[in-house]
Amino acid sequence: MVGVVFLSEGIQKFLFVDTLGAGRFEKIGLPSPEFLGSFVGCFEIVCGTLILFGLLTRLASIPLIVIMLVAIATTKLEILTKKGFWEMLHESRTDWAMLLGSIFLLIRGGGFWSADKALTKNGA
């Protein structure tokens, strides 16, 4: 699911530039929103695809962890300060799930059916 969600979100940054790509980055107040929207979208597409195939899973999870930490810091801390803890938890549930899923993949790797497993000597 981590790979599917990141792949989907990356594609949507290019399909819906004003609301999910550069426009959203500009609304949040990030510098160079046009560049960042495409940059993040590309990483989400590439890393999400790698994770789907289980190829370079641990390496691919690192940029996704960074993306999720930045997303939480730039969008959810404001909710925490304005609306409180419970509203922030509710609004950030997907962010936390994606962050923790990515951390899990960093620690455990792609698993039994992954390309990583098939490419390693004797699957070890």
PDB file of N, CA and C in Angstrom:
ATOM      1  N   MET A   1       0.821  -1.205   0.000  1.00  0.00           N
ATOM      2  CA  MET A   1       0.000   0.000   0.000  1.00  0.00           C
ATOM      3  C   MET A   1       0.858   1.260   0.000  1.00  0.00           C
ATOM      4  N   VAL A   2       1.996   1.220   0.680  1.00  0.00           N
ATOM      5  CA  VAL A   2       2.871   2.395   0.713  1.00  0.00           C
ATOM      6  C   VAL A   2       3.261   2.785  -0.713  1.00  0.00           C
ATOM      7  N   GLY A   3       3.667   1.830  -1.510  1.00  0.00           N
ATOM      8  CA  GLY A   3       4.054   2.110  -2.887  1.00  0.00           C
ATOM      9  C   GLY A   3       2.901   2.645  -3.712  1.00  0.00           C
ATOM     10  N   VAL A   4       1.724   2.060  -3.571  1.00  0.00           N
ATOM     11  CA  VAL A   4       0.551   2.492  -4.331  1.00  0.00           C
ATOM     12  C   VAL A   4       0.178   3.931  -3.986  1.00  0.00           C
ATOM     13  N   VAL A   5       0.149   4.251  -2.720  1.00  0.00           N
ATOM     14  CA  VAL A   5      -0.245   5.598  -2.302  1.00  0.00           C
ATOM     15  C   VAL A   5       0.763   6.631  -2.792  1.00  0.00           C
ATOM     16  N   PHE A   6       2.059   6.364  -2.613  1.00  0.00           N
ATOM     17  CA  PHE A   6       3.050   7.331  -3.075  1.00  0.00           C
ATOM     18  C   PHE A   6       3.038   7.470  -4.592  1.00  0.00           C
ATOM     19  N   LEU A   7       2.908   6.378  -5.325  1.00  0.00           N
ATOM     20  CA  LEU A   7       2.827   6.453  -6.786  1.00  0.00           C
ATOM     21  C   LEU A   7       1.631   7.292  -7.206  1.00  0.00           C
ATOM     22  N   SER A   8       0.484   7.024  -6.617  1.00  0.00           N
ATOM     23  CA  SER A   8      -0.734   7.779  -6.926  1.00  0.00           C
ATOM     24  C   SER A   8      -0.589   9.264  -6.598  1.00  0.00           C
ATOM     25  N   GLU A   9      -0.061   9.572  -5.429  1.00  0.00           N
ATOM     26  CA  GLU A   9       0.102  10.965  -5.022  1.00  0.00           C
ATOM     27  C   GLU A   9       1.103  11.696  -5.912  1.00  0.00           C
ATOM     28  N   GLY A  10       2.168  11.003  -6.326  1.00  0.00           N
ATOM     29  CA  GLY A  10       3.146  11.602  -7.223  1.00  0.00           C
ATOM     30  C   GLY A  10       2.538  11.946  -8.565  1.00  0.00           C
ATOM     31  N   ILE A  11       1.762  11.028  -9.124  1.00  0.00           N
ATOM     32  CA  ILE A  11       1.098  11.278 -10.410  1.00  0.00           C
ATOM     33  C   ILE A  11       0.131  12.443 -10.288  1.00  0.00           C
ATOM     34  N   GLN A  12      -0.611  12.491  -9.184  1.00  0.00           N
ATOM     35  CA  GLN A  12      -1.596  13.562  -9.002  1.00  0.00           C
ATOM     36  C   GLN A  12      -0.955  14.944  -8.877  1.00  0.00           C
ATOM     37  N   LYS A  13       0.294  14.999  -8.425  1.00  0.00           N
ATOM     38  CA  LYS A  13       0.985  16.297  -8.362  1.00  0.00           C
ATOM     39  C   LYS A  13       1.179  16.883  -9.752  1.00  0.00           C
ATOM     40  N   PHE A  14       1.223  16.032 -10.768  1.00  0.00           N
ATOM     41  CA  PHE A  14       1.347  16.495 -12.147  1.00  0.00           C
ATOM     42  C   PHE A  14      -0.021  16.677 -12.804  1.00  0.00           C
ATOM     43  N   LEU A  15      -1.003  15.888 -12.406  1.00  0.00           N
ATOM     44  CA  LEU A  15      -2.338  16.006 -12.985  1.00  0.00           C
ATOM     45  C   LEU A  15      -3.103  17.204 -12.433  1.00  0.00           C
ATOM     46  N   PHE A  16      -2.917  17.485 -11.166  1.00  0.00           N
ATOM     47  CA  PHE A  16      -3.657  18.550 -10.489  1.00  0.00           C
ATOM     48  C   PHE A  16      -2.668  19.533  -9.869  1.00  0.00           C
ATOM     49  N   VAL A  17      -1.925  20.211 -10.723  1.00  0.00           N
ATOM     50  CA  VAL A  17      -0.822  21.083 -10.297  1.00  0.00           C
ATOM     51  C   VAL A  17      -1.297  22.162  -9.326  1.00  0.00           C
ATOM     52  N   ASP A  18      -2.448  22.762  -9.604  1.00  0.00           N
ATOM     53  CA  ASP A  18      -2.922  23.873  -8.773  1.00  0.00           C
ATOM     54  C   ASP A  18      -3.334  23.457  -7.369  1.00  0.00           C
ATOM     55  N   THR A  19      -3.862  22.248  -7.233  1.00  0.00           N
ATOM     56  CA  THR A  19      -4.369  21.839  -5.917  1.00  0.00           C
ATOM     57  C   THR A  19      -3.458  20.872  -5.172  1.00  0.00           C
ATOM     58  N   LEU A  20      -2.699  20.048  -5.897  1.00  0.00           N
ATOM     59  CA  LEU A  20      -1.869  19.041  -5.232  1.00  0.00           C
ATOM     60  C   LEU A  20      -0.380  19.189  -5.518  1.00  0.00           C
ATOM     61  N   GLY A  21      -0.025  19.953  -6.503  1.00  0.00           N
ATOM     62  CA  GLY A  21       1.380  20.143  -6.863  1.00  0.00           C
ATOM     63  C   GLY A  21       1.877  21.500  -6.417  1.00  0.00           C
ATOM     64  N   ALA A  22       2.374  22.282  -7.370  1.00  0.00           N
ATOM     65  CA  ALA A  22       2.973  23.581  -7.068  1.00  0.00           C
ATOM     66  C   ALA A  22       2.012  24.516  -6.340  1.00  0.00           C
ATOM     67  N   GLY A  23       0.736  24.474  -6.703  1.00  0.00           N
ATOM     68  CA  GLY A  23      -0.245  25.335  -6.034  1.00  0.00           C
ATOM     69  C   GLY A  23      -0.365  25.049  -4.550  1.00  0.00           C
ATOM     70  N   ARG A  24      -0.355  23.807  -4.201  1.00  0.00           N
ATOM     71  CA  ARG A  24      -0.420  23.435  -2.774  1.00  0.00           C
ATOM     72  C   ARG A  24       0.858  23.838  -2.057  1.00  0.00           C
ATOM     73  N   PHE A  25       2.004  23.619  -2.705  1.00  0.00           N
ATOM     74  CA  PHE A  25       3.276  23.992  -2.102  1.00  0.00           C
ATOM     75  C   PHE A  25       3.361  25.497  -1.893  1.00  0.00           C
ATOM     76  N   GLU A  26       2.814  26.258  -2.833  1.00  0.00           N
ATOM     77  CA  GLU A  26       2.794  27.716  -2.695  1.00  0.00           C
ATOM     78  C   GLU A  26       1.883  28.122  -1.538  1.00  0.00           C
ATOM     79  N   LYS A  27       0.708  27.504  -1.441  1.00  0.00           N
ATOM     80  CA  LYS A  27      -0.244  27.796  -0.360  1.00  0.00           C
ATOM     81  C   LYS A  27       0.370  27.512   1.012  1.00  0.00           C
ATOM     82  N   ILE A  28       1.145  26.443   1.110  1.00  0.00           N
ATOM     83  CA  ILE A  28       1.808  26.081   2.368  1.00  0.00           C
ATOM     84  C   ILE A  28       2.905  27.075   2.709  1.00  0.00           C
ATOM     85  N   GLY A  29       3.476  27.715   1.671  1.00  0.00           N
ATOM     86  CA  GLY A  29       4.533  28.698   1.897  1.00  0.00           C
ATOM     87  C   GLY A  29       5.935  28.168   1.667  1.00  0.00           C
ATOM     88  N   LEU A  30       6.037  27.049   0.961  1.00  0.00           N
ATOM     89  CA  LEU A  30       7.351  26.488   0.673  1.00  0.00           C
ATOM     90  C   LEU A  30       8.026  27.284  -0.447  1.00  0.00           C
ATOM     91  N   PRO A  31       9.340  27.412  -0.402  1.00  0.00           N
ATOM     92  CA  PRO A  31      10.047  28.146  -1.452  1.00  0.00           C
ATOM     93  C   PRO A  31      10.043  27.362  -2.774  1.00  0.00           C
ATOM     94  N   SER A  32      10.133  28.074  -3.874  1.00  0.00           N
ATOM     95  CA  SER A  32      10.192  27.476  -5.221  1.00  0.00           C
ATOM     96  C   SER A  32       9.131  26.391  -5.418  1.00  0.00           C
ATOM     97  N   PRO A  33       7.860  26.747  -5.279  1.00  0.00           N
ATOM     98  CA  PRO A  33       6.818  25.721  -5.336  1.00  0.00           C
ATOM     99  C   PRO A  33       6.747  24.970  -6.663  1.00  0.00           C
ATOM    100  N   GLU A  34       7.043  25.642  -7.791  1.00  0.00           N
ATOM    101  CA  GLU A  34       7.002  24.959  -9.079  1.00  0.00           C
ATOM    102  C   GLU A  34       8.054  23.843  -9.122  1.00  0.00           C
ATOM    103  N   PHE A  35       9.257  24.172  -8.675  1.00  0.00           N
ATOM    104  CA  PHE A  35      10.328  23.176  -8.642  1.00  0.00           C
ATOM    105  C   PHE A  35      10.006  22.071  -7.643  1.00  0.00           C
ATOM    106  N   LEU A  36       9.626  22.451  -6.418  1.00  0.00           N
ATOM    107  CA  LEU A  36       9.373  21.458  -5.371  1.00  0.00           C
ATOM    108  C   LEU A  36       8.219  20.528  -5.713  1.00  0.00           C
ATOM    109  N   GLY A  37       7.169  21.064  -6.331  1.00  0.00           N
ATOM    110  CA  GLY A  37       6.034  20.223  -6.703  1.00  0.00           C
ATOM    111  C   GLY A  37       6.460  19.110  -7.642  1.00  0.00           C
ATOM    112  N   SER A  38       7.219  19.464  -8.669  1.00  0.00           N
ATOM    113  CA  SER A  38       7.710  18.465  -9.626  1.00  0.00           C
ATOM    114  C   SER A  38       8.750  17.551  -8.989  1.00  0.00           C
ATOM    115  N   PHE A  39       9.637  18.116  -8.192  1.00  0.00           N
ATOM    116  CA  PHE A  39      10.701  17.350  -7.538  1.00  0.00           C
ATOM    117  C   PHE A  39      10.117  16.284  -6.624  1.00  0.00           C
ATOM    118  N   VAL A  40       9.199  16.689  -5.762  1.00  0.00           N
ATOM    119  CA  VAL A  40       8.571  15.748  -4.834  1.00  0.00           C
ATOM    120  C   VAL A  40       7.731  14.731  -5.596  1.00  0.00           C
ATOM    121  N   GLY A  41       6.983  15.213  -6.600  1.00  0.00           N
ATOM    122  CA  GLY A  41       6.177  14.300  -7.407  1.00  0.00           C
ATOM    123  C   GLY A  41       7.012  13.225  -8.077  1.00  0.00           C
ATOM    124  N   CYS A  42       8.161  13.608  -8.624  1.00  0.00           N
ATOM    125  CA  CYS A  42       9.062  12.633  -9.265  1.00  0.00           C
ATOM    126  C   CYS A  42       9.565  11.608  -8.260  1.00  0.00           C
ATOM    127  N   PHE A  43       9.970  12.073  -7.090  1.00  0.00           N
ATOM    128  CA  PHE A  43      10.444  11.142  -6.060  1.00  0.00           C
ATOM    129  C   PHE A  43       9.334  10.193  -5.635  1.00  0.00           C
ATOM    130  N   GLU A  44       8.123  10.703  -5.482  1.00  0.00           N
ATOM    131  CA  GLU A  44       7.010   9.839  -5.076  1.00  0.00           C
ATOM    132  C   GLU A  44       6.718   8.788  -6.140  1.00  0.00           C
ATOM    133  N   ILE A  45       6.792   9.173  -7.409  1.00  0.00           N
ATOM    134  CA  ILE A  45       6.538   8.226  -8.495  1.00  0.00           C
ATOM    135  C   ILE A  45       7.640   7.171  -8.550  1.00  0.00           C
ATOM    136  N   VAL A  46       8.884   7.612  -8.567  1.00  0.00           N
ATOM    137  CA  VAL A  46      10.006   6.670  -8.690  1.00  0.00           C
ATOM    138  C   VAL A  46      10.092   5.767  -7.461  1.00  0.00           C
ATOM    139  N   CYS A  47      10.090   6.352  -6.287  1.00  0.00           N
ATOM    140  CA  CYS A  47      10.237   5.551  -5.060  1.00  0.00           C
ATOM    141  C   CYS A  47       9.014   4.678  -4.819  1.00  0.00           C
ATOM    142  N   GLY A  48       7.826   5.188  -5.114  1.00  0.00           N
ATOM    143  CA  GLY A  48       6.617   4.374  -4.979  1.00  0.00           C
ATOM    144  C   GLY A  48       6.658   3.167  -5.897  1.00  0.00           C
ATOM    145  N   THR A  49       7.123   3.363  -7.126  1.00  0.00           N
ATOM    146  CA  THR A  49       7.248   2.258  -8.081  1.00  0.00           C
ATOM    147  C   THR A  49       8.294   1.249  -7.611  1.00  0.00           C
ATOM    148  N   LEU A  50       9.430   1.735  -7.143  1.00  0.00           N
ATOM    149  CA  LEU A  50      10.462   0.824  -6.624  1.00  0.00           C
ATOM    150  C   LEU A  50       9.922  -0.021  -5.474  1.00  0.00           C
ATOM    151  N   ILE A  51       9.188   0.608  -4.590  1.00  0.00           N
ATOM    152  CA  ILE A  51       8.619  -0.125  -3.453  1.00  0.00           C
ATOM    153  C   ILE A  51       7.586  -1.144  -3.926  1.00  0.00           C
ATOM    154  N   LEU A  52       6.785  -0.779  -4.916  1.00  0.00           N
ATOM    155  CA  LEU A  52       5.809  -1.737  -5.452  1.00  0.00           C
ATOM    156  C   LEU A  52       6.488  -2.998  -5.973  1.00  0.00           C
ATOM    157  N   PHE A  53       7.625  -2.842  -6.613  1.00  0.00           N
ATOM    158  CA  PHE A  53       8.358  -3.988  -7.131  1.00  0.00           C
ATOM    159  C   PHE A  53       9.292  -4.612  -6.092  1.00  0.00           C
ATOM    160  N   GLY A  54       9.441  -3.935  -4.976  1.00  0.00           N
ATOM    161  CA  GLY A  54      10.352  -4.445  -3.957  1.00  0.00           C
ATOM    162  C   GLY A  54      11.794  -4.347  -4.389  1.00  0.00           C
ATOM    163  N   LEU A  55      12.107  -3.346  -5.187  1.00  0.00           N
ATOM    164  CA  LEU A  55      13.452  -3.152  -5.704  1.00  0.00           C
ATOM    165  C   LEU A  55      14.093  -1.955  -5.007  1.00  0.00           C
ATOM    166  N   LEU A  56      15.233  -2.177  -4.389  1.00  0.00           N
ATOM    167  CA  LEU A  56      15.917  -1.118  -3.619  1.00  0.00           C
ATOM    168  C   LEU A  56      14.969  -0.528  -2.575  1.00  0.00           C
ATOM    169  N   THR A  57      14.217  -1.383  -1.943  1.00  0.00           N
ATOM    170  CA  THR A  57      13.151  -0.966  -1.037  1.00  0.00           C
ATOM    171  C   THR A  57      13.653  -0.071   0.085  1.00  0.00           C
ATOM    172  N   ARG A  58      14.697  -0.478   0.733  1.00  0.00           N
ATOM    173  CA  ARG A  58      15.206   0.314   1.865  1.00  0.00           C
ATOM    174  C   ARG A  58      15.669   1.693   1.396  1.00  0.00           C
ATOM    175  N   LEU A  59      16.401   1.725   0.299  1.00  0.00           N
ATOM    176  CA  LEU A  59      16.875   2.996  -0.243  1.00  0.00           C
ATOM    177  C   LEU A  59      15.703   3.877  -0.682  1.00  0.00           C
ATOM    178  N   ALA A  60      14.720   3.290  -1.334  1.00  0.00           N
ATOM    179  CA  ALA A  60      13.564   4.047  -1.818  1.00  0.00           C
ATOM    180  C   ALA A  60      12.720   4.608  -0.678  1.00  0.00           C
ATOM    181  N   SER A  61      12.750   3.967   0.472  1.00  0.00           N
ATOM    182  CA  SER A  61      11.930   4.441   1.593  1.00  0.00           C
ATOM    183  C   SER A  61      12.495   5.713   2.234  1.00  0.00           C
ATOM    184  N   ILE A  62      13.782   5.959   2.078  1.00  0.00           N
ATOM    185  CA  ILE A  62      14.404   7.116   2.747  1.00  0.00           C
ATOM    186  C   ILE A  62      13.833   8.447   2.260  1.00  0.00           C
ATOM    187  N   PRO A  63      13.778   8.714   0.941  1.00  0.00           N
ATOM    188  CA  PRO A  63      13.179   9.981   0.509  1.00  0.00           C
ATOM    189  C   PRO A  63      11.705  10.104   0.910  1.00  0.00           C
ATOM    190  N   LEU A  64      11.004   8.976   0.952  1.00  0.00           N
ATOM    191  CA  LEU A  64       9.592   9.019   1.325  1.00  0.00           C
ATOM    192  C   LEU A  64       9.416   9.369   2.805  1.00  0.00           C
ATOM    193  N   ILE A  65      10.323   8.916   3.633  1.00  0.00           N
ATOM    194  CA  ILE A  65      10.305   9.298   5.051  1.00  0.00           C
ATOM    195  C   ILE A  65      10.519  10.805   5.180  1.00  0.00           C
ATOM    196  N   VAL A  66      11.481  11.318   4.446  1.00  0.00           N
ATOM    197  CA  VAL A  66      11.750  12.762   4.478  1.00  0.00           C
ATOM    198  C   VAL A  66      10.529  13.533   4.003  1.00  0.00           C
ATOM    199  N   ILE A  67       9.921  13.096   2.905  1.00  0.00           N
ATOM    200  CA  ILE A  67       8.724  13.756   2.377  1.00  0.00           C
ATOM    201  C   ILE A  67       7.628  13.798   3.429  1.00  0.00           C
ATOM    202  N   MET A  68       7.420  12.686   4.128  1.00  0.00           N
ATOM    203  CA  MET A  68       6.347  12.647   5.127  1.00  0.00           C
ATOM    204  C   MET A  68       6.670  13.515   6.339  1.00  0.00           C
ATOM    205  N   LEU A  69       7.921  13.550   6.749  1.00  0.00           N
ATOM    206  CA  LEU A  69       8.295  14.422   7.878  1.00  0.00           C
ATOM    207  C   LEU A  69       8.070  15.892   7.523  1.00  0.00           C
ATOM    208  N   VAL A  70       8.433  16.268   6.312  1.00  0.00           N
ATOM    209  CA  VAL A  70       8.212  17.649   5.865  1.00  0.00           C
ATOM    210  C   VAL A  70       6.718  17.930   5.760  1.00  0.00           C
ATOM    211  N   ALA A  71       5.956  16.978   5.232  1.00  0.00           N
ATOM    212  CA  ALA A  71       4.509  17.162   5.110  1.00  0.00           C
ATOM    213  C   ALA A  71       3.858  17.370   6.475  1.00  0.00           C
ATOM    214  N   ILE A  72       4.252  16.577   7.438  1.00  0.00           N
ATOM    215  CA  ILE A  72       3.694  16.713   8.788  1.00  0.00           C
ATOM    216  C   ILE A  72       4.098  18.059   9.386  1.00  0.00           C
ATOM    217  N   ALA A  73       5.362  18.424   9.250  1.00  0.00           N
ATOM    218  CA  ALA A  73       5.845  19.681   9.830  1.00  0.00           C
ATOM    219  C   ALA A  73       5.193  20.901   9.181  1.00  0.00           C
ATOM    220  N   THR A  74       4.969  20.861   7.872  1.00  0.00           N
ATOM    221  CA  THR A  74       4.466  22.048   7.180  1.00  0.00           C
ATOM    222  C   THR A  74       2.947  22.156   7.167  1.00  0.00           C
ATOM    223  N   THR A  75       2.244  21.051   7.378  1.00  0.00           N
ATOM    224  CA  THR A  75       0.785  21.133   7.293  1.00  0.00           C
ATOM    225  C   THR A  75       0.058  20.764   8.577  1.00  0.00           C
ATOM    226  N   LYS A  76       0.660  19.955   9.394  1.00  0.00           N
ATOM    227  CA  LYS A  76      -0.076  19.470  10.570  1.00  0.00           C
ATOM    228  C   LYS A  76       0.263  20.214  11.855  1.00  0.00           C
ATOM    229  N   LEU A  77       1.436  20.809  11.938  1.00  0.00           N
ATOM    230  CA  LEU A  77       1.766  21.581  13.143  1.00  0.00           C
ATOM    231  C   LEU A  77       0.871  22.803  13.285  1.00  0.00           C
ATOM    232  N   GLU A  78       0.487  23.385  12.168  1.00  0.00           N
ATOM    233  CA  GLU A  78      -0.439  24.524  12.203  1.00  0.00           C
ATOM    234  C   GLU A  78      -1.799  24.088  12.751  1.00  0.00           C
ATOM    235  N   ILE A  79      -2.256  22.925  12.342  1.00  0.00           N
ATOM    236  CA  ILE A  79      -3.519  22.396  12.867  1.00  0.00           C
ATOM    237  C   ILE A  79      -3.399  22.157  14.367  1.00  0.00           C
ATOM    238  N   LEU A  80      -2.270  21.643  14.808  1.00  0.00           N
ATOM    239  CA  LEU A  80      -2.037  21.413  16.233  1.00  0.00           C
ATOM    240  C   LEU A  80      -2.157  22.708  17.018  1.00  0.00           C
ATOM    241  N   THR A  81      -1.522  23.768  16.530  1.00  0.00           N
ATOM    242  CA  THR A  81      -1.541  25.032  17.279  1.00  0.00           C
ATOM    243  C   THR A  81      -2.888  25.735  17.219  1.00  0.00           C
ATOM    244  N   LYS A  82      -3.623  25.582  16.113  1.00  0.00           N
ATOM    245  CA  LYS A  82      -4.895  26.295  15.959  1.00  0.00           C
ATOM    246  C   LYS A  82      -6.107  25.505  16.436  1.00  0.00           C
ATOM    247  N   LYS A  83      -6.084  24.182  16.233  1.00  0.00           N
ATOM    248  CA  LYS A  83      -7.282  23.391  16.517  1.00  0.00           C
ATOM    249  C   LYS A  83      -7.081  22.334  17.586  1.00  0.00           C
ATOM    250  N   GLY A  84      -5.842  22.105  17.991  1.00  0.00           N
ATOM    251  CA  GLY A  84      -5.595  21.180  19.081  1.00  0.00           C
ATOM    252  C   GLY A  84      -5.110  19.805  18.651  1.00  0.00           C
ATOM    253  N   PHE A  85      -4.750  19.047  19.668  1.00  0.00           N
ATOM    254  CA  PHE A  85      -4.119  17.745  19.493  1.00  0.00           C
ATOM    255  C   PHE A  85      -4.992  16.751  18.742  1.00  0.00           C
ATOM    256  N   TRP A  86      -6.263  16.607  19.147  1.00  0.00           N
ATOM    257  CA  TRP A  86      -7.115  15.579  18.558  1.00  0.00           C
ATOM    258  C   TRP A  86      -7.438  15.876  17.100  1.00  0.00           C
ATOM    259  N   GLU A  87      -7.657  17.130  16.782  1.00  0.00           N
ATOM    260  CA  GLU A  87      -7.903  17.501  15.381  1.00  0.00           C
ATOM    261  C   GLU A  87      -6.660  17.232  14.529  1.00  0.00           C
ATOM    262  N   MET A  88      -5.478  17.535  15.080  1.00  0.00           N
ATOM    263  CA  MET A  88      -4.237  17.269  14.362  1.00  0.00           C
ATOM    264  C   MET A  88      -4.073  15.767  14.122  1.00  0.00           C
ATOM    265  N   LEU A  89      -4.354  14.941  15.134  1.00  0.00           N
ATOM    266  CA  LEU A  89      -4.258  13.494  14.947  1.00  0.00           C
ATOM    267  C   LEU A  89      -5.213  13.009  13.874  1.00  0.00           C
ATOM    268  N   HIS A  90      -6.426  13.522  13.895  1.00  0.00           N
ATOM    269  CA  HIS A  90      -7.420  13.120  12.898  1.00  0.00           C
ATOM    270  C   HIS A  90      -6.964  13.514  11.492  1.00  0.00           C
ATOM    271  N   GLU A  91      -6.528  14.726  11.324  1.00  0.00           N
ATOM    272  CA  GLU A  91      -6.132  15.234  10.008  1.00  0.00           C
ATOM    273  C   GLU A  91      -4.835  14.608   9.497  1.00  0.00           C
ATOM    274  N   SER A  92      -4.023  14.067  10.384  1.00  0.00           N
ATOM    275  CA  SER A  92      -2.730  13.540   9.965  1.00  0.00           C
ATOM    276  C   SER A  92      -2.667  12.013   9.942  1.00  0.00           C
ATOM    277  N   ARG A  93      -3.801  11.351  10.049  1.00  0.00           N
ATOM    278  CA  ARG A  93      -3.799   9.890  10.140  1.00  0.00           C
ATOM    279  C   ARG A  93      -3.142   9.229   8.936  1.00  0.00           C
ATOM    280  N   THR A  94      -3.407   9.721   7.732  1.00  0.00           N
ATOM    281  CA  THR A  94      -2.770   9.146   6.543  1.00  0.00           C
ATOM    282  C   THR A  94      -1.277   9.439   6.538  1.00  0.00           C
ATOM    283  N   ASP A  95      -0.904  10.652   6.935  1.00  0.00           N
ATOM    284  CA  ASP A  95       0.517  11.019   6.988  1.00  0.00           C
ATOM    285  C   ASP A  95       1.284  10.091   7.926  1.00  0.00           C
ATOM    286  N   TRP A  96       0.717   9.849   9.103  1.00  0.00           N
ATOM    287  CA  TRP A  96       1.381   8.972  10.068  1.00  0.00           C
ATOM    288  C   TRP A  96       1.467   7.547   9.540  1.00  0.00           C
ATOM    289  N   ALA A  97       0.396   7.078   8.895  1.00  0.00           N
ATOM    290  CA  ALA A  97       0.403   5.726   8.343  1.00  0.00           C
ATOM    291  C   ALA A  97       1.482   5.583   7.272  1.00  0.00           C
ATOM    292  N   MET A  98       1.608   6.591   6.410  1.00  0.00           N
ATOM    293  CA  MET A  98       2.623   6.535   5.356  1.00  0.00           C
ATOM    294  C   MET A  98       4.031   6.655   5.940  1.00  0.00           C
ATOM    295  N   LEU A  99       4.195   7.489   6.939  1.00  0.00           N
ATOM    296  CA  LEU A  99       5.495   7.621   7.589  1.00  0.00           C
ATOM    297  C   LEU A  99       5.900   6.309   8.261  1.00  0.00           C
ATOM    298  N   LEU A 100       5.012   5.747   9.042  1.00  0.00           N
ATOM    299  CA  LEU A 100       5.327   4.503   9.751  1.00  0.00           C
ATOM    300  C   LEU A 100       5.493   3.330   8.791  1.00  0.00           C
ATOM    301  N   GLY A 101       4.697   3.298   7.722  1.00  0.00           N
ATOM    302  CA  GLY A 101       4.871   2.262   6.711  1.00  0.00           C
ATOM    303  C   GLY A 101       6.229   2.368   6.040  1.00  0.00           C
ATOM    304  N   SER A 102       6.666   3.580   5.757  1.00  0.00           N
ATOM    305  CA  SER A 102       7.974   3.795   5.138  1.00  0.00           C
ATOM    306  C   SER A 102       9.107   3.430   6.091  1.00  0.00           C
ATOM    307  N   ILE A 103       8.949   3.763   7.366  1.00  0.00           N
ATOM    308  CA  ILE A 103       9.960   3.383   8.363  1.00  0.00           C
ATOM    309  C   ILE A 103      10.036   1.854   8.477  1.00  0.00           C
ATOM    310  N   PHE A 104       8.891   1.195   8.458  1.00  0.00           N
ATOM    311  CA  PHE A 104       8.863  -0.264   8.489  1.00  0.00           C
ATOM    312  C   PHE A 104       9.648  -0.844   7.307  1.00  0.00           C
ATOM    313  N   LEU A 105       9.423  -0.291   6.108  1.00  0.00           N
ATOM    314  CA  LEU A 105      10.132  -0.780   4.923  1.00  0.00           C
ATOM    315  C   LEU A 105      11.627  -0.502   5.001  1.00  0.00           C
ATOM    316  N   LEU A 106      12.003   0.603   5.611  1.00  0.00           N
ATOM    317  CA  LEU A 106      13.423   0.895   5.805  1.00  0.00           C
ATOM    318  C   LEU A 106      14.060  -0.158   6.706  1.00  0.00           C
ATOM    319  N   ILE A 107      13.363  -0.540   7.753  1.00  0.00           N
ATOM    320  CA  ILE A 107      13.897  -1.500   8.725  1.00  0.00           C
ATOM    321  C   ILE A 107      13.856  -2.931   8.183  1.00  0.00           C
ATOM    322  N   ARG A 108      12.738  -3.338   7.616  1.00  0.00           N
ATOM    323  CA  ARG A 108      12.528  -4.741   7.236  1.00  0.00           C
ATOM    324  C   ARG A 108      12.838  -5.055   5.778  1.00  0.00           C
ATOM    325  N   GLY A 109      12.837  -4.063   4.916  1.00  0.00           N
ATOM    326  CA  GLY A 109      13.051  -4.333   3.500  1.00  0.00           C
ATOM    327  C   GLY A 109      11.783  -4.789   2.820  1.00  0.00           C
ATOM    328  N   GLY A 110      11.946  -5.286   1.593  1.00  0.00           N
ATOM    329  CA  GLY A 110      10.802  -5.594   0.741  1.00  0.00           C
ATOM    330  C   GLY A 110      10.067  -6.884   1.026  1.00  0.00           C
ATOM    331  N   GLY A 111      10.653  -7.808   1.721  1.00  0.00           N
ATOM    332  CA  GLY A 111       9.951  -9.037   2.048  1.00  0.00           C
ATOM    333  C   GLY A 111      10.201 -10.171   1.074  1.00  0.00           C
ATOM    334  N   PHE A 112       9.495 -11.254   1.289  1.00  0.00           N
ATOM    335  CA  PHE A 112       9.732 -12.518   0.596  1.00  0.00           C
ATOM    336  C   PHE A 112       9.513 -12.429  -0.915  1.00  0.00           C
ATOM    337  N   TRP A 113       8.489 -11.728  -1.371  1.00  0.00           N
ATOM    338  CA  TRP A 113       8.143 -11.678  -2.786  1.00  0.00           C
ATOM    339  C   TRP A 113       8.795 -10.509  -3.512  1.00  0.00           C
ATOM    340  N   SER A 114       9.694  -9.811  -2.881  1.00  0.00           N
ATOM    341  CA  SER A 114      10.297  -8.619  -3.477  1.00  0.00           C
ATOM    342  C   SER A 114      11.381  -8.958  -4.490  1.00  0.00           C
ATOM    343  N   ALA A 115      11.638  -8.005  -5.379  1.00  0.00           N
ATOM    344  CA  ALA A 115      12.756  -8.141  -6.320  1.00  0.00           C
ATOM    345  C   ALA A 115      14.076  -8.165  -5.556  1.00  0.00           C
ATOM    346  N   ASP A 116      14.150  -7.407  -4.477  1.00  0.00           N
ATOM    347  CA  ASP A 116      15.369  -7.425  -3.646  1.00  0.00           C
ATOM    348  C   ASP A 116      15.690  -8.848  -3.201  1.00  0.00           C
ATOM    349  N   LYS A 117      14.694  -9.568  -2.743  1.00  0.00           N
ATOM    350  CA  LYS A 117      14.883 -10.937  -2.260  1.00  0.00           C
ATOM    351  C   LYS A 117      15.324 -11.845  -3.401  1.00  0.00           C
ATOM    352  N   ALA A 118      14.703 -11.681  -4.564  1.00  0.00           N
ATOM    353  CA  ALA A 118      15.034 -12.523  -5.717  1.00  0.00           C
ATOM    354  C   ALA A 118      16.443 -12.257  -6.229  1.00  0.00           C
ATOM    355  N   LEU A 119      16.935 -11.032  -6.069  1.00  0.00           N
ATOM    356  CA  LEU A 119      18.237 -10.661  -6.594  1.00  0.00           C
ATOM    357  C   LEU A 119      19.395 -10.974  -5.646  1.00  0.00           C
ATOM    358  N   THR A 120      19.086 -11.196  -4.379  1.00  0.00           N
ATOM    359  CA  THR A 120      20.159 -11.501  -3.424  1.00  0.00           C
ATOM    360  C   THR A 120      20.550 -12.966  -3.538  1.00  0.00           C
ATOM    361  N   LYS A 121      21.778 -13.237  -3.214  1.00  0.00           N
ATOM    362  CA  LYS A 121      22.294 -14.602  -3.308  1.00  0.00           C
ATOM    363  C   LYS A 121      21.510 -15.526  -2.395  1.00  0.00           C
ATOM    364  N   ASN A 122      20.925 -16.545  -2.965  1.00  0.00           N
ATOM    365  CA  ASN A 122      20.133 -17.554  -2.237  1.00  0.00           C
ATOM    366  C   ASN A 122      18.964 -16.924  -1.483  1.00  0.00           C
ATOM    367  N   GLY A 123      18.568 -15.711  -1.853  1.00  0.00           N
ATOM    368  CA  GLY A 123      17.444 -15.073  -1.184  1.00  0.00           C
ATOM    369  C   GLY A 123      17.694 -14.723   0.250  1.00  0.00           C
ATOM    370  N   ALA A 124      18.953 -14.665   0.681  1.00  0.00           N
ATOM    371  CA  ALA A 124      19.265 -14.385   2.076  1.00  0.00           C
ATOM    372  C   ALA A 124      19.344 -12.907   2.350  1.00  0.00           C
TER     373      ALA A 124
END
